[in-house]
Amino acid sequence: MISVFSADGKNIPCTVIEAGPCVVSQVKTVETDGYEALQLGFEEKNAKHTNRAEKGHFDKAGVPAQRHLVEFEGFGDEFKLGDTINVSIFEEGMMVDIIGTSKGKGFQGVVKRYNFQGVGGTTHGQSDRLRHPGSMGASSWPSRVFKGMRMGGHMGSDRVTVKNLQVVKVIAEHNLLMVKGSVPGAKGSIVNIVK
């Protein structure tokens, strides 16, 4: 993240996103696919890393092989097969939703994963259970732990949507988008930007 100053002198924390150029690799229609959507490809891929099915798909569209493919709905008849879409479709001040995969944190206990307080202090003979979940089961009935009980487990690597982030600046010559606030994922990860 970086920070920029607004016209009235406020410091705005921003995330810089490389948004394009994306090529239209497939146009889906109601007649052929049952719904309308555009398939966009991002980041060119070397031909030797492209299998024959992918090669045929991209050759039909007349575009080079792409590393990442995503479908977007709601474009209508704006673009056709082989067109290039860049950051010019965004404007400063507009609100966007950003979808990405959050950072993976591996196996975590209940204190980090669910903000539990832990069992308590070191009084009453407790010396090794400070970050444990404590009692979680019932008595003789139902003699089991209920489904959905918050316990330690895998944390992160989830699909996360951050809604209503403001576009602070559009740098068209470098295909960069500056968005107010943070976005899900690690540096260099792929995100979807939805208008």
C-alpha atoms as a PDB file:
ATOM      1  CA  MET A   1       0.000   0.000   0.000  1.00  0.00           C
ATOM      2  CA  ILE A   2       0.960   3.594  -0.533  1.00  0.00           C
ATOM      3  CA  SER A   3      -0.608   6.861   0.516  1.00  0.00           C
ATOM      4  CA  VAL A   4      -1.544   9.906  -1.525  1.00  0.00           C
ATOM      5  CA  PHE A   5      -2.759  13.343  -0.556  1.00  0.00           C
ATOM      6  CA  SER A   6      -6.180  14.532  -1.687  1.00  0.00           C
ATOM      7  CA  ALA A   7      -6.923  18.063  -2.931  1.00  0.00           C
ATOM      8  CA  ASP A   8      -7.949  19.145   0.578  1.00  0.00           C
ATOM      9  CA  GLY A   9      -4.717  17.784   2.116  1.00  0.00           C
ATOM     10  CA  LYS A  10      -5.993  14.490   3.600  1.00  0.00           C
ATOM     11  CA  ASN A  11      -3.690  11.474   3.547  1.00  0.00           C
ATOM     12  CA  ILE A  12      -5.472   8.578   1.768  1.00  0.00           C
ATOM     13  CA  PRO A  13      -4.125   5.000   2.086  1.00  0.00           C
ATOM     14  CA  CYS A  14      -4.253   3.337  -1.353  1.00  0.00           C
ATOM     15  CA  THR A  15      -3.573   0.011  -2.997  1.00  0.00           C
ATOM     16  CA  VAL A  16      -2.100   0.055  -6.499  1.00  0.00           C
ATOM     17  CA  ILE A  17      -3.557  -2.566  -8.858  1.00  0.00           C
ATOM     18  CA  GLU A  18      -2.365  -3.415 -12.357  1.00  0.00           C
ATOM     19  CA  ALA A  19      -5.711  -3.681 -14.158  1.00  0.00           C
ATOM     20  CA  GLY A  20      -5.075  -4.794 -17.697  1.00  0.00           C
ATOM     21  CA  PRO A  21      -4.755  -4.921 -20.538  1.00  0.00           C
ATOM     22  CA  CYS A  22      -7.318  -7.729 -20.663  1.00  0.00           C
ATOM     23  CA  VAL A  23      -8.361  -9.336 -23.946  1.00  0.00           C
ATOM     24  CA  VAL A  24     -11.809 -10.703 -24.769  1.00  0.00           C
ATOM     25  CA  SER A  25     -11.137 -14.405 -25.395  1.00  0.00           C
ATOM     26  CA  GLN A  26     -14.773 -15.533 -25.646  1.00  0.00           C
ATOM     27  CA  VAL A  27     -18.203 -13.914 -25.965  1.00  0.00           C
ATOM     28  CA  LYS A  28     -20.993 -16.023 -24.442  1.00  0.00           C
ATOM     29  CA  THR A  29     -24.535 -15.468 -25.670  1.00  0.00           C
ATOM     30  CA  VAL A  30     -27.995 -16.722 -24.683  1.00  0.00           C
ATOM     31  CA  GLU A  31     -28.304 -18.689 -27.936  1.00  0.00           C
ATOM     32  CA  THR A  32     -25.053 -20.634 -27.563  1.00  0.00           C
ATOM     33  CA  ASP A  33     -24.431 -20.759 -23.800  1.00  0.00           C
ATOM     34  CA  GLY A  34     -27.716 -19.850 -22.109  1.00  0.00           C
ATOM     35  CA  TYR A  35     -26.432 -16.592 -20.625  1.00  0.00           C
ATOM     36  CA  GLU A  36     -24.527 -13.476 -21.638  1.00  0.00           C
ATOM     37  CA  ALA A  37     -20.965 -12.948 -20.445  1.00  0.00           C
ATOM     38  CA  LEU A  38     -17.484 -11.949 -21.559  1.00  0.00           C
ATOM     39  CA  GLN A  39     -14.469 -14.138 -20.888  1.00  0.00           C
ATOM     40  CA  LEU A  40     -11.438 -11.941 -20.251  1.00  0.00           C
ATOM     41  CA  GLY A  41      -7.827 -13.099 -20.284  1.00  0.00           C
ATOM     42  CA  PHE A  42      -5.034 -11.410 -18.345  1.00  0.00           C
ATOM     43  CA  GLU A  43      -1.237 -11.804 -18.547  1.00  0.00           C
ATOM     44  CA  GLU A  44       0.208 -13.400 -21.644  1.00  0.00           C
ATOM     45  CA  LYS A  45       1.481 -16.961 -21.370  1.00  0.00           C
ATOM     46  CA  ASN A  46       4.389 -18.552 -23.213  1.00  0.00           C
ATOM     47  CA  ALA A  47       3.287 -20.861 -26.046  1.00  0.00           C
ATOM     48  CA  LYS A  48       5.313 -23.795 -24.685  1.00  0.00           C
ATOM     49  CA  HIS A  49       3.228 -23.706 -21.466  1.00  0.00           C
ATOM     50  CA  THR A  50      -0.070 -23.808 -23.403  1.00  0.00           C
ATOM     51  CA  ASN A  51      -1.805 -27.120 -24.093  1.00  0.00           C
ATOM     52  CA  ARG A  52      -3.551 -27.815 -27.417  1.00  0.00           C
ATOM     53  CA  ALA A  53      -7.060 -27.185 -26.112  1.00  0.00           C
ATOM     54  CA  GLU A  54      -6.071 -23.759 -24.791  1.00  0.00           C
ATOM     55  CA  LYS A  55      -4.159 -22.999 -28.000  1.00  0.00           C
ATOM     56  CA  GLY A  56      -7.256 -23.755 -30.093  1.00  0.00           C
ATOM     57  CA  HIS A  57      -9.410 -21.616 -27.807  1.00  0.00           C
ATOM     58  CA  PHE A  58      -7.113 -18.588 -28.088  1.00  0.00           C
ATOM     59  CA  ASP A  59      -6.460 -19.071 -31.825  1.00  0.00           C
ATOM     60  CA  LYS A  60     -10.216 -18.969 -32.443  1.00  0.00           C
ATOM     61  CA  ALA A  61     -10.360 -15.611 -30.650  1.00  0.00           C
ATOM     62  CA  GLY A  62      -7.247 -14.382 -32.485  1.00  0.00           C
ATOM     63  CA  VAL A  63      -5.440 -13.466 -29.249  1.00  0.00           C
ATOM     64  CA  PRO A  64      -2.203 -14.727 -27.648  1.00  0.00           C
ATOM     65  CA  ALA A  65      -2.444 -17.332 -24.884  1.00  0.00           C
ATOM     66  CA  GLN A  66      -3.443 -15.860 -21.511  1.00  0.00           C
ATOM     67  CA  ARG A  67      -2.517 -17.053 -18.034  1.00  0.00           C
ATOM     68  CA  HIS A  68      -5.738 -16.115 -16.175  1.00  0.00           C
ATOM     69  CA  LEU A  69      -9.305 -16.354 -17.499  1.00  0.00           C
ATOM     70  CA  VAL A  70     -12.363 -14.828 -15.773  1.00  0.00           C
ATOM     71  CA  GLU A  71     -15.973 -14.311 -16.848  1.00  0.00           C
ATOM     72  CA  PHE A  72     -17.852 -11.042 -16.326  1.00  0.00           C
ATOM     73  CA  GLU A  73     -21.527 -10.362 -16.924  1.00  0.00           C
ATOM     74  CA  GLY A  74     -23.243  -7.075 -17.662  1.00  0.00           C
ATOM     75  CA  PHE A  75     -21.136  -5.773 -20.563  1.00  0.00           C
ATOM     76  CA  GLY A  76     -23.863  -6.302 -23.162  1.00  0.00           C
ATOM     77  CA  ASP A  77     -22.697  -5.624 -26.734  1.00  0.00           C
ATOM     78  CA  GLU A  78     -19.927  -3.177 -25.759  1.00  0.00           C
ATOM     79  CA  PHE A  79     -17.036  -5.464 -26.735  1.00  0.00           C
ATOM     80  CA  LYS A  80     -16.468  -8.168 -29.325  1.00  0.00           C
ATOM     81  CA  LEU A  81     -14.074 -11.089 -29.661  1.00  0.00           C
ATOM     82  CA  GLY A  82     -10.403 -10.021 -29.632  1.00  0.00           C
ATOM     83  CA  ASP A  83     -11.009  -6.537 -28.159  1.00  0.00           C
ATOM     84  CA  THR A  84      -8.677  -5.195 -25.494  1.00  0.00           C
ATOM     85  CA  ILE A  85     -10.050  -3.743 -22.250  1.00  0.00           C
ATOM     86  CA  ASN A  86      -7.876  -1.514 -20.070  1.00  0.00           C
ATOM     87  CA  VAL A  87      -8.313   0.816 -17.083  1.00  0.00           C
ATOM     88  CA  SER A  88     -10.053   3.438 -19.207  1.00  0.00           C
ATOM     89  CA  ILE A  89     -13.408   1.827 -18.279  1.00  0.00           C
ATOM     90  CA  PHE A  90     -12.881   3.113 -14.710  1.00  0.00           C
ATOM     91  CA  GLU A  91     -13.236   6.722 -13.581  1.00  0.00           C
ATOM     92  CA  GLU A  92     -11.870   8.539 -10.566  1.00  0.00           C
ATOM     93  CA  GLY A  93     -14.362   8.631  -7.709  1.00  0.00           C
ATOM     94  CA  MET A  94     -16.378   5.568  -8.772  1.00  0.00           C
ATOM     95  CA  MET A  95     -16.994   2.695  -6.359  1.00  0.00           C
ATOM     96  CA  VAL A  96     -15.825  -0.857  -7.134  1.00  0.00           C
ATOM     97  CA  ASP A  97     -15.957  -4.276  -5.468  1.00  0.00           C
ATOM     98  CA  ILE A  98     -12.730  -6.271  -5.325  1.00  0.00           C
ATOM     99  CA  ILE A  99     -12.750 -10.065  -5.053  1.00  0.00           C
ATOM    100  CA  GLY A 100      -9.632 -12.047  -4.154  1.00  0.00           C
ATOM    101  CA  THR A 101      -8.206 -14.911  -2.108  1.00  0.00           C
ATOM    102  CA  SER A 102      -7.107 -13.921   1.379  1.00  0.00           C
ATOM    103  CA  LYS A 103      -3.667 -14.759   2.729  1.00  0.00           C
ATOM    104  CA  GLY A 104      -3.373 -18.339   3.996  1.00  0.00           C
ATOM    105  CA  LYS A 105      -2.422 -18.623   7.664  1.00  0.00           C
ATOM    106  CA  GLY A 106      -2.340 -22.408   8.055  1.00  0.00           C
ATOM    107  CA  PHE A 107      -3.637 -24.185  11.158  1.00  0.00           C
ATOM    108  CA  GLN A 108      -4.514 -21.685  13.890  1.00  0.00           C
ATOM    109  CA  GLY A 109      -5.932 -22.015  17.390  1.00  0.00           C
ATOM    110  CA  VAL A 110      -9.111 -20.455  18.726  1.00  0.00           C
ATOM    111  CA  VAL A 111      -7.420 -17.342  20.141  1.00  0.00           C
ATOM    112  CA  LYS A 112      -6.173 -16.183  16.739  1.00  0.00           C
ATOM    113  CA  ARG A 113      -8.966 -17.687  14.650  1.00  0.00           C
ATOM    114  CA  TYR A 114     -12.022 -16.581  16.675  1.00  0.00           C
ATOM    115  CA  ASN A 115     -10.598 -14.048  19.174  1.00  0.00           C
ATOM    116  CA  PHE A 116     -11.207 -16.308  22.198  1.00  0.00           C
ATOM    117  CA  GLN A 117      -9.762 -15.026  25.479  1.00  0.00           C
ATOM    118  CA  GLY A 118      -8.121 -18.319  26.417  1.00  0.00           C
ATOM    119  CA  VAL A 119      -8.883 -20.342  29.549  1.00  0.00           C
ATOM    120  CA  GLY A 120      -7.612 -17.660  31.901  1.00  0.00           C
ATOM    121  CA  GLY A 121      -4.652 -16.726  34.054  1.00  0.00           C
ATOM    122  CA  THR A 122      -2.129 -19.063  35.568  1.00  0.00           C
ATOM    123  CA  THR A 123      -4.068 -19.373  38.831  1.00  0.00           C
ATOM    124  CA  HIS A 124      -5.757 -22.502  40.203  1.00  0.00           C
ATOM    125  CA  GLY A 125      -3.021 -24.800  39.001  1.00  0.00           C
ATOM    126  CA  GLN A 126      -3.208 -23.870  35.299  1.00  0.00           C
ATOM    127  CA  SER A 127       0.197 -23.473  33.762  1.00  0.00           C
ATOM    128  CA  ASP A 128      -0.150 -24.827  30.232  1.00  0.00           C
ATOM    129  CA  ARG A 129      -3.663 -23.985  29.001  1.00  0.00           C
ATOM    130  CA  LEU A 130      -3.569 -20.225  28.470  1.00  0.00           C
ATOM    131  CA  ARG A 131      -4.617 -20.278  24.785  1.00  0.00           C
ATOM    132  CA  HIS A 132      -6.866 -23.365  24.845  1.00  0.00           C
ATOM    133  CA  PRO A 133     -10.582 -23.240  24.007  1.00  0.00           C
ATOM    134  CA  GLY A 134     -11.797 -24.581  27.345  1.00  0.00           C
ATOM    135  CA  SER A 135     -14.840 -26.815  27.790  1.00  0.00           C
ATOM    136  CA  MET A 136     -16.778 -27.386  24.587  1.00  0.00           C
ATOM    137  CA  GLY A 137     -18.903 -30.526  24.940  1.00  0.00           C
ATOM    138  CA  ALA A 138     -22.186 -31.193  26.693  1.00  0.00           C
ATOM    139  CA  SER A 139     -22.788 -33.624  29.573  1.00  0.00           C
ATOM    140  CA  SER A 140     -24.170 -37.158  29.269  1.00  0.00           C
ATOM    141  CA  TRP A 141     -26.529 -35.880  26.562  1.00  0.00           C
ATOM    142  CA  PRO A 142     -25.788 -35.558  23.687  1.00  0.00           C
ATOM    143  CA  SER A 143     -22.302 -36.842  24.620  1.00  0.00           C
ATOM    144  CA  ARG A 144     -20.717 -35.220  21.621  1.00  0.00           C
ATOM    145  CA  VAL A 145     -19.505 -31.878  20.345  1.00  0.00           C
ATOM    146  CA  PHE A 146     -22.117 -29.998  18.291  1.00  0.00           C
ATOM    147  CA  LYS A 147     -21.479 -29.396  14.593  1.00  0.00           C
ATOM    148  CA  GLY A 148     -20.171 -25.917  13.825  1.00  0.00           C
ATOM    149  CA  MET A 149     -18.440 -25.495  17.212  1.00  0.00           C
ATOM    150  CA  ARG A 150     -15.683 -22.930  16.870  1.00  0.00           C
ATOM    151  CA  MET A 151     -12.373 -24.740  17.248  1.00  0.00           C
ATOM    152  CA  GLY A 152      -8.854 -24.558  15.943  1.00  0.00           C
ATOM    153  CA  GLY A 153      -8.393 -25.258  12.236  1.00  0.00           C
ATOM    154  CA  HIS A 154      -7.349 -23.980   8.842  1.00  0.00           C
ATOM    155  CA  MET A 155      -7.482 -20.193   8.570  1.00  0.00           C
ATOM    156  CA  GLY A 156      -7.238 -17.973   5.513  1.00  0.00           C
ATOM    157  CA  SER A 157      -7.145 -18.852   1.787  1.00  0.00           C
ATOM    158  CA  ASP A 158     -10.827 -17.841   1.513  1.00  0.00           C
ATOM    159  CA  ARG A 159     -12.585 -16.013  -1.312  1.00  0.00           C
ATOM    160  CA  VAL A 160     -13.147 -12.519   0.062  1.00  0.00           C
ATOM    161  CA  THR A 161     -15.108  -9.608  -1.412  1.00  0.00           C
ATOM    162  CA  VAL A 162     -14.367  -6.060  -0.255  1.00  0.00           C
ATOM    163  CA  LYS A 163     -17.244  -3.838  -1.323  1.00  0.00           C
ATOM    164  CA  ASN A 164     -17.474  -0.155  -2.188  1.00  0.00           C
ATOM    165  CA  LEU A 165     -13.829   0.816  -2.509  1.00  0.00           C
ATOM    166  CA  GLN A 166     -13.304   4.214  -4.090  1.00  0.00           C
ATOM    167  CA  VAL A 167     -11.111   4.627  -7.163  1.00  0.00           C
ATOM    168  CA  VAL A 168      -8.707   7.418  -6.186  1.00  0.00           C
ATOM    169  CA  LYS A 169      -6.678   7.652  -9.394  1.00  0.00           C
ATOM    170  CA  VAL A 170      -6.497   6.029 -12.830  1.00  0.00           C
ATOM    171  CA  ILE A 171      -3.040   5.947 -14.447  1.00  0.00           C
ATOM    172  CA  ALA A 172      -4.017   4.931 -17.991  1.00  0.00           C
ATOM    173  CA  GLU A 173      -0.550   4.886 -19.588  1.00  0.00           C
ATOM    174  CA  HIS A 174       0.619   2.160 -17.169  1.00  0.00           C
ATOM    175  CA  ASN A 175      -2.792   0.433 -16.679  1.00  0.00           C
ATOM    176  CA  LEU A 176      -2.691   1.160 -12.946  1.00  0.00           C
ATOM    177  CA  LEU A 177      -5.631   1.724 -10.663  1.00  0.00           C
ATOM    178  CA  MET A 178      -5.277   3.320  -7.230  1.00  0.00           C
ATOM    179  CA  VAL A 179      -8.018   2.188  -4.854  1.00  0.00           C
ATOM    180  CA  LYS A 180      -8.691   3.605  -1.393  1.00  0.00           C
ATOM    181  CA  GLY A 181      -8.073   1.010   1.332  1.00  0.00           C
ATOM    182  CA  SER A 182      -6.787  -2.547   1.304  1.00  0.00           C
ATOM    183  CA  VAL A 183      -7.681  -5.462  -0.938  1.00  0.00           C
ATOM    184  CA  PRO A 184      -7.640  -9.206  -0.123  1.00  0.00           C
ATOM    185  CA  GLY A 185      -4.584 -11.304  -0.921  1.00  0.00           C
ATOM    186  CA  ALA A 186      -0.822 -11.099  -0.822  1.00  0.00           C
ATOM    187  CA  LYS A 187       1.330  -8.881  -3.012  1.00  0.00           C
ATOM    188  CA  GLY A 188       1.236 -10.018  -6.623  1.00  0.00           C
ATOM    189  CA  SER A 189      -1.983 -12.017  -6.246  1.00  0.00           C
ATOM    190  CA  ILE A 190      -4.810 -11.887  -8.790  1.00  0.00           C
ATOM    191  CA  VAL A 191      -8.039 -10.016  -7.951  1.00  0.00           C
ATOM    192  CA  ASN A 192     -11.295  -9.348  -9.820  1.00  0.00           C
ATOM    193  CA  ILE A 193     -12.518  -5.749 -10.013  1.00  0.00           C
ATOM    194  CA  VAL A 194     -16.292  -5.406 -10.417  1.00  0.00           C
ATOM    195  CA  LYS A 195     -17.937  -2.098 -11.305  1.00  0.00           C
END
